[in-house]
Amino acid sequence: QLTVGAILRREGKEADAERELRSGLATLERTAEPNSAQVGDAILQIA
C-alpha cells in the first residue's frame, strides 16, 4: 500500500496517495512494533 501511495504521489495524485499511505501506516501501527523501522518508513512517505 505504501508503495502504491508513493507512486501516486509521484504522479501528482495527492488525495489517492494520502489515502493509501495513511491506510498502510494504520495497518503497520496495528500489526508491527509501534517504533519499528517499517513504521518510520511509512511516516516518512506521508511527510
All heavy atoms as atom14 arrays in JSON, in Angstrom:
{
  "sequence": "QLTVGAILRREGKEADAERELRSGLATLERTAEPNSAQVGDAILQIA",
  "atom14_mask": [
    [1, 1, 1, 1, 1, 1, 1, 1, 1, 0, 0, 0, 0, 0],
    [1, 1, 1, 1, 1, 1, 1, 1, 0, 0, 0, 0, 0, 0],
    [1, 1, 1, 1, 1, 1, 1, 0, 0, 0, 0, 0, 0, 0],
    [1, 1, 1, 1, 1, 1, 1, 0, 0, 0, 0, 0, 0, 0],
    [1, 1, 1, 1, 0, 0, 0, 0, 0, 0, 0, 0, 0, 0],
    [1, 1, 1, 1, 1, 0, 0, 0, 0, 0, 0, 0, 0, 0],
    [1, 1, 1, 1, 1, 1, 1, 1, 0, 0, 0, 0, 0, 0],
    [1, 1, 1, 1, 1, 1, 1, 1, 0, 0, 0, 0, 0, 0],
    [1, 1, 1, 1, 1, 1, 1, 1, 1, 1, 1, 0, 0, 0],
    [1, 1, 1, 1, 1, 1, 1, 1, 1, 1, 1, 0, 0, 0],
    [1, 1, 1, 1, 1, 1, 1, 1, 1, 0, 0, 0, 0, 0],
    [1, 1, 1, 1, 0, 0, 0, 0, 0, 0, 0, 0, 0, 0],
    [1, 1, 1, 1, 1, 1, 1, 1, 1, 0, 0, 0, 0, 0],
    [1, 1, 1, 1, 1, 1, 1, 1, 1, 0, 0, 0, 0, 0],
    [1, 1, 1, 1, 1, 0, 0, 0, 0, 0, 0, 0, 0, 0],
    [1, 1, 1, 1, 1, 1, 1, 1, 0, 0, 0, 0, 0, 0],
    [1, 1, 1, 1, 1, 0, 0, 0, 0, 0, 0, 0, 0, 0],
    [1, 1, 1, 1, 1, 1, 1, 1, 1, 0, 0, 0, 0, 0],
    [1, 1, 1, 1, 1, 1, 1, 1, 1, 1, 1, 0, 0, 0],
    [1, 1, 1, 1, 1, 1, 1, 1, 1, 0, 0, 0, 0, 0],
    [1, 1, 1, 1, 1, 1, 1, 1, 0, 0, 0, 0, 0, 0],
    [1, 1, 1, 1, 1, 1, 1, 1, 1, 1, 1, 0, 0, 0],
    [1, 1, 1, 1, 1, 1, 0, 0, 0, 0, 0, 0, 0, 0],
    [1, 1, 1, 1, 0, 0, 0, 0, 0, 0, 0, 0, 0, 0],
    [1, 1, 1, 1, 1, 1, 1, 1, 0, 0, 0, 0, 0, 0],
    [1, 1, 1, 1, 1, 0, 0, 0, 0, 0, 0, 0, 0, 0],
    [1, 1, 1, 1, 1, 1, 1, 0, 0, 0, 0, 0, 0, 0],
    [1, 1, 1, 1, 1, 1, 1, 1, 0, 0, 0, 0, 0, 0],
    [1, 1, 1, 1, 1, 1, 1, 1, 1, 0, 0, 0, 0, 0],
    [1, 1, 1, 1, 1, 1, 1, 1, 1, 1, 1, 0, 0, 0],
    [1, 1, 1, 1, 1, 1, 1, 0, 0, 0, 0, 0, 0, 0],
    [1, 1, 1, 1, 1, 0, 0, 0, 0, 0, 0, 0, 0, 0],
    [1, 1, 1, 1, 1, 1, 1, 1, 1, 0, 0, 0, 0, 0],
    [1, 1, 1, 1, 1, 1, 1, 0, 0, 0, 0, 0, 0, 0],
    [1, 1, 1, 1, 1, 1, 1, 1, 0, 0, 0, 0, 0, 0],
    [1, 1, 1, 1, 1, 1, 0, 0, 0, 0, 0, 0, 0, 0],
    [1, 1, 1, 1, 1, 0, 0, 0, 0, 0, 0, 0, 0, 0],
    [1, 1, 1, 1, 1, 1, 1, 1, 1, 0, 0, 0, 0, 0],
    [1, 1, 1, 1, 1, 1, 1, 0, 0, 0, 0, 0, 0, 0],
    [1, 1, 1, 1, 0, 0, 0, 0, 0, 0, 0, 0, 0, 0],
    [1, 1, 1, 1, 1, 1, 1, 1, 0, 0, 0, 0, 0, 0],
    [1, 1, 1, 1, 1, 0, 0, 0, 0, 0, 0, 0, 0, 0],
    [1, 1, 1, 1, 1, 1, 1, 1, 0, 0, 0, 0, 0, 0],
    [1, 1, 1, 1, 1, 1, 1, 1, 0, 0, 0, 0, 0, 0],
    [1, 1, 1, 1, 1, 1, 1, 1, 1, 0, 0, 0, 0, 0],
    [1, 1, 1, 1, 1, 1, 1, 1, 0, 0, 0, 0, 0, 0],
    [1, 1, 1, 1, 1, 0, 0, 0, 0, 0, 0, 0, 0, 0]
  ],
  "atom14_positions": [
    [[0.83, -1.21, 0.0], [0.0, 0.0, 0.0], [0.86, 1.25, 0.0], [0.59, 2.23, -0.71], [-0.89, 0.02, 1.24], [-2.23, -0.65, 1.02], [-3.14, -0.39, 2.2], [-2.88, -0.89, 3.29], [-4.19, 0.37, 1.99], [0.0, 0.0, 0.0], [0.0, 0.0, 0.0], [0.0, 0.0, 0.0], [0.0, 0.0, 0.0], [0.0, 0.0, 0.0]],
    [[1.92, 1.23, 0.81], [2.83, 2.38, 0.88], [3.49, 2.62, -0.47], [3.67, 3.75, -0.91], [3.9, 2.15, 1.95], [3.39, 2.07, 3.4], [4.51, 1.63, 4.33], [2.82, 3.41, 3.85], [0.0, 0.0, 0.0], [0.0, 0.0, 0.0], [0.0, 0.0, 0.0], [0.0, 0.0, 0.0], [0.0, 0.0, 0.0], [0.0, 0.0, 0.0]],
    [[3.84, 1.52, -1.15], [4.5, 1.64, -2.45], [3.54, 2.22, -3.49], [3.93, 3.06, -4.3], [5.0, 0.24, -2.89], [5.69, -0.36, -1.8], [5.94, 0.33, -4.04], [0.0, 0.0, 0.0], [0.0, 0.0, 0.0], [0.0, 0.0, 0.0], [0.0, 0.0, 0.0], [0.0, 0.0, 0.0], [0.0, 0.0, 0.0], [0.0, 0.0, 0.0]],
    [[2.29, 1.76, -3.45], [1.28, 2.33, -4.35], [1.1, 3.82, -4.03], [1.05, 4.67, -4.94], [-0.07, 1.57, -4.23], [-1.2, 2.32, -4.93], [0.06, 0.16, -4.81], [0.0, 0.0, 0.0], [0.0, 0.0, 0.0], [0.0, 0.0, 0.0], [0.0, 0.0, 0.0], [0.0, 0.0, 0.0], [0.0, 0.0, 0.0], [0.0, 0.0, 0.0]],
    [[1.04, 4.15, -2.75], [0.9, 5.56, -2.34], [2.05, 6.41, -2.85], [1.84, 7.53, -3.33], [0.0, 0.0, 0.0], [0.0, 0.0, 0.0], [0.0, 0.0, 0.0], [0.0, 0.0, 0.0], [0.0, 0.0, 0.0], [0.0, 0.0, 0.0], [0.0, 0.0, 0.0], [0.0, 0.0, 0.0], [0.0, 0.0, 0.0], [0.0, 0.0, 0.0]],
    [[3.27, 5.85, -2.78], [4.45, 6.61, -3.22], [4.4, 6.91, -4.71], [4.75, 8.01, -5.14], [5.72, 5.84, -2.87], [0.0, 0.0, 0.0], [0.0, 0.0, 0.0], [0.0, 0.0, 0.0], [0.0, 0.0, 0.0], [0.0, 0.0, 0.0], [0.0, 0.0, 0.0], [0.0, 0.0, 0.0], [0.0, 0.0, 0.0], [0.0, 0.0, 0.0]],
    [[3.95, 5.94, -5.52], [3.91, 6.19, -6.97], [2.77, 7.17, -7.3], [2.92, 8.04, -8.17], [3.8, 4.88, -7.8], [4.02, 5.16, -9.3], [2.48, 4.18, -7.65], [5.38, 5.66, -9.67], [0.0, 0.0, 0.0], [0.0, 0.0, 0.0], [0.0, 0.0, 0.0], [0.0, 0.0, 0.0], [0.0, 0.0, 0.0], [0.0, 0.0, 0.0]],
    [[1.65, 7.08, -6.58], [0.56, 8.04, -6.8], [1.04, 9.46, -6.49], [0.68, 10.41, -7.17], [-0.65, 7.67, -5.94], [-1.39, 6.38, -6.35], [-2.38, 5.95, -5.26], [-2.11, 6.56, -7.68], [0.0, 0.0, 0.0], [0.0, 0.0, 0.0], [0.0, 0.0, 0.0], [0.0, 0.0, 0.0], [0.0, 0.0, 0.0], [0.0, 0.0, 0.0]],
    [[1.85, 9.58, -5.44], [2.41, 10.9, -5.1], [3.26, 11.43, -6.25], [3.15, 12.59, -6.64], [3.26, 10.8, -3.82], [4.0, 12.07, -3.47], [4.79, 11.94, -2.17], [5.92, 11.05, -2.28], [7.1, 11.38, -2.82], [7.28, 12.58, -3.37], [8.09, 10.52, -2.86], [0.0, 0.0, 0.0], [0.0, 0.0, 0.0], [0.0, 0.0, 0.0]],
    [[4.1, 10.56, -6.81], [4.95, 11.0, -7.94], [4.12, 11.43, -9.13], [4.53, 12.26, -9.93], [5.87, 9.86, -8.38], [7.08, 9.69, -7.48], [8.04, 8.71, -8.11], [9.2, 8.52, -7.26], [10.44, 8.69, -7.67], [10.69, 9.08, -8.9], [11.44, 8.49, -6.86], [0.0, 0.0, 0.0], [0.0, 0.0, 0.0], [0.0, 0.0, 0.0]],
    [[2.94, 10.81, -9.29], [2.07, 11.15, -10.42], [1.23, 12.39, -10.14], [0.44, 12.81, -10.97], [1.14, 9.97, -10.73], [1.86, 8.75, -11.28], [0.9, 7.6, -11.55], [0.4, 6.99, -10.59], [0.64, 7.33, -12.72], [0.0, 0.0, 0.0], [0.0, 0.0, 0.0], [0.0, 0.0, 0.0], [0.0, 0.0, 0.0], [0.0, 0.0, 0.0]],
    [[1.39, 12.96, -8.93], [0.63, 14.17, -8.59], [-0.8, 13.88, -8.16], [-1.63, 14.78, -8.09], [0.0, 0.0, 0.0], [0.0, 0.0, 0.0], [0.0, 0.0, 0.0], [0.0, 0.0, 0.0], [0.0, 0.0, 0.0], [0.0, 0.0, 0.0], [0.0, 0.0, 0.0], [0.0, 0.0, 0.0], [0.0, 0.0, 0.0], [0.0, 0.0, 0.0]],
    [[-1.12, 12.59, -7.86], [-2.48, 12.23, -7.42], [-2.52, 12.24, -5.88], [-2.54, 11.2, -5.23], [-2.85, 10.84, -7.96], [-2.83, 10.76, -9.49], [-3.06, 9.32, -9.98], [-3.01, 9.24, -11.51], [-3.09, 7.83, -11.98], [0.0, 0.0, 0.0], [0.0, 0.0, 0.0], [0.0, 0.0, 0.0], [0.0, 0.0, 0.0], [0.0, 0.0, 0.0]],
    [[-2.49, 13.46, -5.33], [-2.25, 13.62, -3.89], [-3.3, 12.94, -3.0], [-2.96, 12.29, -2.02], [-2.16, 15.1, -3.49], [-0.76, 15.68, -3.6], [-0.52, 16.34, -4.94], [-1.46, 16.34, -5.75], [0.6, 16.84, -5.16], [0.0, 0.0, 0.0], [0.0, 0.0, 0.0], [0.0, 0.0, 0.0], [0.0, 0.0, 0.0], [0.0, 0.0, 0.0]],
    [[-4.58, 13.12, -3.34], [-5.64, 12.61, -2.45], [-5.59, 11.08, -2.4], [-5.66, 10.48, -1.32], [-7.0, 13.09, -2.93], [0.0, 0.0, 0.0], [0.0, 0.0, 0.0], [0.0, 0.0, 0.0], [0.0, 0.0, 0.0], [0.0, 0.0, 0.0], [0.0, 0.0, 0.0], [0.0, 0.0, 0.0], [0.0, 0.0, 0.0], [0.0, 0.0, 0.0]],
    [[-5.46, 10.45, -3.57], [-5.38, 8.97, -3.62], [-4.13, 8.5, -2.89], [-4.15, 7.49, -2.19], [-5.34, 8.47, -5.08], [-6.64, 8.75, -5.82], [-7.64, 9.03, -5.13], [-6.65, 8.68, -7.06], [0.0, 0.0, 0.0], [0.0, 0.0, 0.0], [0.0, 0.0, 0.0], [0.0, 0.0, 0.0], [0.0, 0.0, 0.0], [0.0, 0.0, 0.0]],
    [[-3.02, 9.22, -3.11], [-1.75, 8.84, -2.47], [-1.91, 8.87, -0.95], [-1.52, 7.93, -0.25], [-0.63, 9.78, -2.91], [0.0, 0.0, 0.0], [0.0, 0.0, 0.0], [0.0, 0.0, 0.0], [0.0, 0.0, 0.0], [0.0, 0.0, 0.0], [0.0, 0.0, 0.0], [0.0, 0.0, 0.0], [0.0, 0.0, 0.0], [0.0, 0.0, 0.0]],
    [[-2.51, 9.95, -0.45], [-2.63, 10.1, 1.0], [-3.5, 8.99, 1.59], [-3.2, 8.44, 2.66], [-3.19, 11.48, 1.36], [-3.22, 11.71, 2.86], [-3.39, 13.18, 3.25], [-3.47, 14.05, 2.35], [-3.42, 13.45, 4.46], [0.0, 0.0, 0.0], [0.0, 0.0, 0.0], [0.0, 0.0, 0.0], [0.0, 0.0, 0.0], [0.0, 0.0, 0.0]],
    [[-4.57, 8.63, 0.88], [-5.44, 7.56, 1.38], [-4.66, 6.24, 1.52], [-4.73, 5.58, 2.56], [-6.62, 7.38, 0.42], [-7.77, 6.56, 1.01], [-8.95, 6.44, 0.08], [-8.56, 5.9, -1.22], [-8.57, 6.59, -2.35], [-8.93, 7.86, -2.36], [-8.2, 6.03, -3.49], [0.0, 0.0, 0.0], [0.0, 0.0, 0.0], [0.0, 0.0, 0.0]],
    [[-3.89, 5.86, 0.48], [-3.12, 4.61, 0.54], [-2.05, 4.67, 1.63], [-1.84, 3.7, 2.36], [-2.45, 4.32, -0.82], [-3.41, 3.99, -1.95], [-4.1, 2.64, -1.82], [-3.8, 1.87, -0.88], [-4.97, 2.35, -2.66], [0.0, 0.0, 0.0], [0.0, 0.0, 0.0], [0.0, 0.0, 0.0], [0.0, 0.0, 0.0], [0.0, 0.0, 0.0]],
    [[-1.35, 5.8, 1.72], [-0.25, 5.91, 2.68], [-0.77, 5.84, 4.12], [-0.21, 5.13, 4.96], [0.52, 7.22, 2.47], [1.33, 7.32, 1.17], [1.9, 8.72, 1.0], [2.45, 6.29, 1.12], [0.0, 0.0, 0.0], [0.0, 0.0, 0.0], [0.0, 0.0, 0.0], [0.0, 0.0, 0.0], [0.0, 0.0, 0.0], [0.0, 0.0, 0.0]],
    [[-1.88, 6.55, 4.39], [-2.39, 6.55, 5.77], [-2.97, 5.18, 6.12], [-2.85, 4.72, 7.26], [-3.42, 7.67, 5.96], [-2.76, 9.05, 5.92], [-3.62, 10.13, 6.56], [-2.99, 11.44, 6.45], [-2.08, 11.93, 7.29], [-1.66, 11.19, 8.31], [-1.57, 13.14, 7.12], [0.0, 0.0, 0.0], [0.0, 0.0, 0.0], [0.0, 0.0, 0.0]],
    [[-3.57, 4.52, 5.15], [-4.11, 3.18, 5.4], [-2.97, 2.19, 5.67], [-3.05, 1.37, 6.6], [-4.95, 2.75, 4.19], [-5.26, 1.4, 4.28], [0.0, 0.0, 0.0], [0.0, 0.0, 0.0], [0.0, 0.0, 0.0], [0.0, 0.0, 0.0], [0.0, 0.0, 0.0], [0.0, 0.0, 0.0], [0.0, 0.0, 0.0], [0.0, 0.0, 0.0]],
    [[-1.89, 2.28, 4.88], [-0.72, 1.41, 5.1], [-0.09, 1.65, 6.47], [0.25, 0.7, 7.19], [0.0, 0.0, 0.0], [0.0, 0.0, 0.0], [0.0, 0.0, 0.0], [0.0, 0.0, 0.0], [0.0, 0.0, 0.0], [0.0, 0.0, 0.0], [0.0, 0.0, 0.0], [0.0, 0.0, 0.0], [0.0, 0.0, 0.0], [0.0, 0.0, 0.0]],
    [[0.02, 2.93, 6.84], [0.58, 3.27, 8.17], [-0.3, 2.71, 9.29], [0.2, 2.13, 10.25], [0.72, 4.79, 8.32], [1.16, 5.29, 9.71], [2.53, 4.75, 10.1], [1.17, 6.82, 9.78], [0.0, 0.0, 0.0], [0.0, 0.0, 0.0], [0.0, 0.0, 0.0], [0.0, 0.0, 0.0], [0.0, 0.0, 0.0], [0.0, 0.0, 0.0]],
    [[-1.62, 2.86, 9.13], [-2.55, 2.37, 10.17], [-2.38, 0.85, 10.35], [-2.36, 0.35, 11.48], [-3.99, 2.71, 9.79], [0.0, 0.0, 0.0], [0.0, 0.0, 0.0], [0.0, 0.0, 0.0], [0.0, 0.0, 0.0], [0.0, 0.0, 0.0], [0.0, 0.0, 0.0], [0.0, 0.0, 0.0], [0.0, 0.0, 0.0], [0.0, 0.0, 0.0]],
    [[-2.25, 0.12, 9.24], [-2.04, -1.33, 9.32], [-0.75, -1.64, 10.08], [-0.74, -2.5, 10.96], [-1.97, -1.95, 7.91], [-3.17, -1.62, 7.21], [-1.82, -3.46, 7.96], [0.0, 0.0, 0.0], [0.0, 0.0, 0.0], [0.0, 0.0, 0.0], [0.0, 0.0, 0.0], [0.0, 0.0, 0.0], [0.0, 0.0, 0.0], [0.0, 0.0, 0.0]],
    [[0.32, -0.95, 9.73], [1.6, -1.2, 10.4], [1.53, -0.86, 11.89], [2.09, -1.56, 12.72], [2.72, -0.4, 9.73], [3.18, -0.91, 8.37], [4.19, 0.07, 7.76], [3.81, -2.3, 8.47], [0.0, 0.0, 0.0], [0.0, 0.0, 0.0], [0.0, 0.0, 0.0], [0.0, 0.0, 0.0], [0.0, 0.0, 0.0], [0.0, 0.0, 0.0]],
    [[0.83, 0.22, 12.21], [0.74, 0.61, 13.63], [-0.06, -0.43, 14.42], [0.17, -0.61, 15.62], [0.13, 2.02, 13.76], [1.14, 3.08, 13.34], [0.66, 4.52, 13.51], [-0.52, 4.79, 13.22], [1.47, 5.36, 13.91], [0.0, 0.0, 0.0], [0.0, 0.0, 0.0], [0.0, 0.0, 0.0], [0.0, 0.0, 0.0], [0.0, 0.0, 0.0]],
    [[-0.98, -1.12, 13.74], [-1.74, -2.2, 14.41], [-0.91, -3.48, 14.52], [-1.04, -4.22, 15.49], [-3.01, -2.53, 13.61], [-4.19, -1.64, 13.86], [-5.49, -2.3, 13.39], [-5.41, -2.88, 12.06], [-5.54, -2.2, 10.93], [-5.75, -0.9, 10.96], [-5.48, -2.81, 9.75], [0.0, 0.0, 0.0], [0.0, 0.0, 0.0], [0.0, 0.0, 0.0]],
    [[-0.11, -3.78, 13.5], [0.47, -5.13, 13.39], [1.97, -5.18, 13.7], [2.46, -6.21, 14.13], [0.26, -5.68, 11.97], [0.78, -4.75, 11.02], [-1.21, -5.91, 11.67], [0.0, 0.0, 0.0], [0.0, 0.0, 0.0], [0.0, 0.0, 0.0], [0.0, 0.0, 0.0], [0.0, 0.0, 0.0], [0.0, 0.0, 0.0], [0.0, 0.0, 0.0]],
    [[2.7, -4.09, 13.45], [4.15, -4.11, 13.7], [4.41, -3.51, 15.08], [3.5, -3.0, 15.74], [4.88, -3.33, 12.61], [0.0, 0.0, 0.0], [0.0, 0.0, 0.0], [0.0, 0.0, 0.0], [0.0, 0.0, 0.0], [0.0, 0.0, 0.0], [0.0, 0.0, 0.0], [0.0, 0.0, 0.0], [0.0, 0.0, 0.0], [0.0, 0.0, 0.0]],
    [[5.67, -3.55, 15.51], [6.06, -2.86, 16.74], [5.82, -1.36, 16.54], [6.11, -0.83, 15.46], [7.55, -3.08, 17.01], [7.9, -4.5, 17.42], [7.35, -4.85, 18.79], [7.57, -4.06, 19.73], [6.68, -5.9, 18.9], [0.0, 0.0, 0.0], [0.0, 0.0, 0.0], [0.0, 0.0, 0.0], [0.0, 0.0, 0.0], [0.0, 0.0, 0.0]],
    [[5.34, -0.64, 17.56], [4.99, 0.78, 17.36], [6.17, 1.64, 16.87], [5.98, 2.56, 16.1], [4.51, 1.24, 18.73], [4.84, 0.13, 19.69], [4.99, -1.12, 18.9], [0.0, 0.0, 0.0], [0.0, 0.0, 0.0], [0.0, 0.0, 0.0], [0.0, 0.0, 0.0], [0.0, 0.0, 0.0], [0.0, 0.0, 0.0], [0.0, 0.0, 0.0]],
    [[7.38, 1.31, 17.32], [8.52, 2.11, 16.88], [9.44, 1.32, 15.95], [10.65, 1.48, 15.96], [9.31, 2.64, 18.08], [8.58, 3.81, 18.72], [8.04, 4.66, 18.02], [8.53, 3.83, 20.03], [0.0, 0.0, 0.0], [0.0, 0.0, 0.0], [0.0, 0.0, 0.0], [0.0, 0.0, 0.0], [0.0, 0.0, 0.0], [0.0, 0.0, 0.0]],
    [[8.84, 0.45, 15.13], [9.66, -0.35, 14.22], [10.11, 0.53, 13.06], [9.49, 1.56, 12.74], [8.87, -1.53, 13.68], [7.91, -1.07, 12.75], [0.0, 0.0, 0.0], [0.0, 0.0, 0.0], [0.0, 0.0, 0.0], [0.0, 0.0, 0.0], [0.0, 0.0, 0.0], [0.0, 0.0, 0.0], [0.0, 0.0, 0.0], [0.0, 0.0, 0.0]],
    [[11.19, 0.09, 12.41], [11.72, 0.82, 11.25], [10.65, 0.96, 10.17], [10.57, 1.99, 9.5], [12.94, 0.07, 10.7], [0.0, 0.0, 0.0], [0.0, 0.0, 0.0], [0.0, 0.0, 0.0], [0.0, 0.0, 0.0], [0.0, 0.0, 0.0], [0.0, 0.0, 0.0], [0.0, 0.0, 0.0], [0.0, 0.0, 0.0], [0.0, 0.0, 0.0]],
    [[9.78, -0.07, 10.03], [8.74, -0.01, 8.99], [7.78, 1.16, 9.24], [7.37, 1.84, 8.3], [7.93, -1.32, 9.0], [8.67, -2.5, 8.39], [7.83, -3.76, 8.49], [7.35, -4.12, 9.57], [7.65, -4.44, 7.39], [0.0, 0.0, 0.0], [0.0, 0.0, 0.0], [0.0, 0.0, 0.0], [0.0, 0.0, 0.0], [0.0, 0.0, 0.0]],
    [[7.43, 1.37, 10.51], [6.53, 2.49, 10.84], [7.23, 3.81, 10.51], [6.62, 4.72, 9.94], [6.11, 2.42, 12.34], [5.4, 3.71, 12.76], [5.22, 1.21, 12.58], [0.0, 0.0, 0.0], [0.0, 0.0, 0.0], [0.0, 0.0, 0.0], [0.0, 0.0, 0.0], [0.0, 0.0, 0.0], [0.0, 0.0, 0.0], [0.0, 0.0, 0.0]],
    [[8.52, 3.9, 10.82], [9.29, 5.11, 10.48], [9.28, 5.38, 8.99], [9.11, 6.53, 8.55], [0.0, 0.0, 0.0], [0.0, 0.0, 0.0], [0.0, 0.0, 0.0], [0.0, 0.0, 0.0], [0.0, 0.0, 0.0], [0.0, 0.0, 0.0], [0.0, 0.0, 0.0], [0.0, 0.0, 0.0], [0.0, 0.0, 0.0], [0.0, 0.0, 0.0]],
    [[9.44, 4.31, 8.19], [9.44, 4.47, 6.72], [8.09, 5.0, 6.23], [8.03, 5.86, 5.35], [9.72, 3.12, 6.03], [11.12, 2.59, 6.34], [11.93, 3.36, 6.91], [11.39, 1.42, 6.03], [0.0, 0.0, 0.0], [0.0, 0.0, 0.0], [0.0, 0.0, 0.0], [0.0, 0.0, 0.0], [0.0, 0.0, 0.0], [0.0, 0.0, 0.0]],
    [[7.0, 4.46, 6.81], [5.66, 4.88, 6.39], [5.43, 6.36, 6.74], [4.87, 7.12, 5.95], [4.61, 4.01, 7.08], [0.0, 0.0, 0.0], [0.0, 0.0, 0.0], [0.0, 0.0, 0.0], [0.0, 0.0, 0.0], [0.0, 0.0, 0.0], [0.0, 0.0, 0.0], [0.0, 0.0, 0.0], [0.0, 0.0, 0.0], [0.0, 0.0, 0.0]],
    [[5.89, 6.76, 7.93], [5.73, 8.16, 8.36], [6.49, 9.09, 7.4], [6.0, 10.16, 7.03], [6.22, 8.32, 9.81], [5.23, 7.63, 10.76], [6.38, 9.79, 10.2], [5.74, 7.46, 12.18], [0.0, 0.0, 0.0], [0.0, 0.0, 0.0], [0.0, 0.0, 0.0], [0.0, 0.0, 0.0], [0.0, 0.0, 0.0], [0.0, 0.0, 0.0]],
    [[7.68, 8.66, 6.98], [8.46, 9.47, 6.03], [7.71, 9.64, 4.71], [7.71, 10.74, 4.13], [9.82, 8.81, 5.74], [11.0, 9.28, 6.56], [12.27, 8.55, 6.13], [11.22, 10.79, 6.46], [0.0, 0.0, 0.0], [0.0, 0.0, 0.0], [0.0, 0.0, 0.0], [0.0, 0.0, 0.0], [0.0, 0.0, 0.0], [0.0, 0.0, 0.0]],
    [[7.08, 8.57, 4.23], [6.33, 8.68, 2.96], [5.23, 9.73, 3.07], [4.98, 10.49, 2.13], [5.72, 7.31, 2.58], [6.73, 6.29, 2.1], [7.36, 6.66, 0.76], [6.86, 7.52, 0.02], [8.47, 6.03, 0.44], [0.0, 0.0, 0.0], [0.0, 0.0, 0.0], [0.0, 0.0, 0.0], [0.0, 0.0, 0.0], [0.0, 0.0, 0.0]],
    [[4.55, 9.78, 4.23], [3.48, 10.78, 4.42], [4.1, 12.19, 4.52], [3.56, 13.15, 3.98], [2.62, 10.44, 5.65], [1.88, 9.11, 5.4], [1.62, 11.56, 5.94], [1.2, 8.53, 6.6], [0.0, 0.0, 0.0], [0.0, 0.0, 0.0], [0.0, 0.0, 0.0], [0.0, 0.0, 0.0], [0.0, 0.0, 0.0], [0.0, 0.0, 0.0]],
    [[5.27, 12.27, 5.16], [5.97, 13.57, 5.24], [6.3, 14.08, 3.84], [6.09, 15.26, 3.53], [7.25, 13.42, 6.07], [0.0, 0.0, 0.0], [0.0, 0.0, 0.0], [0.0, 0.0, 0.0], [0.0, 0.0, 0.0], [0.0, 0.0, 0.0], [0.0, 0.0, 0.0], [0.0, 0.0, 0.0], [0.0, 0.0, 0.0], [0.0, 0.0, 0.0]]
  ]
}
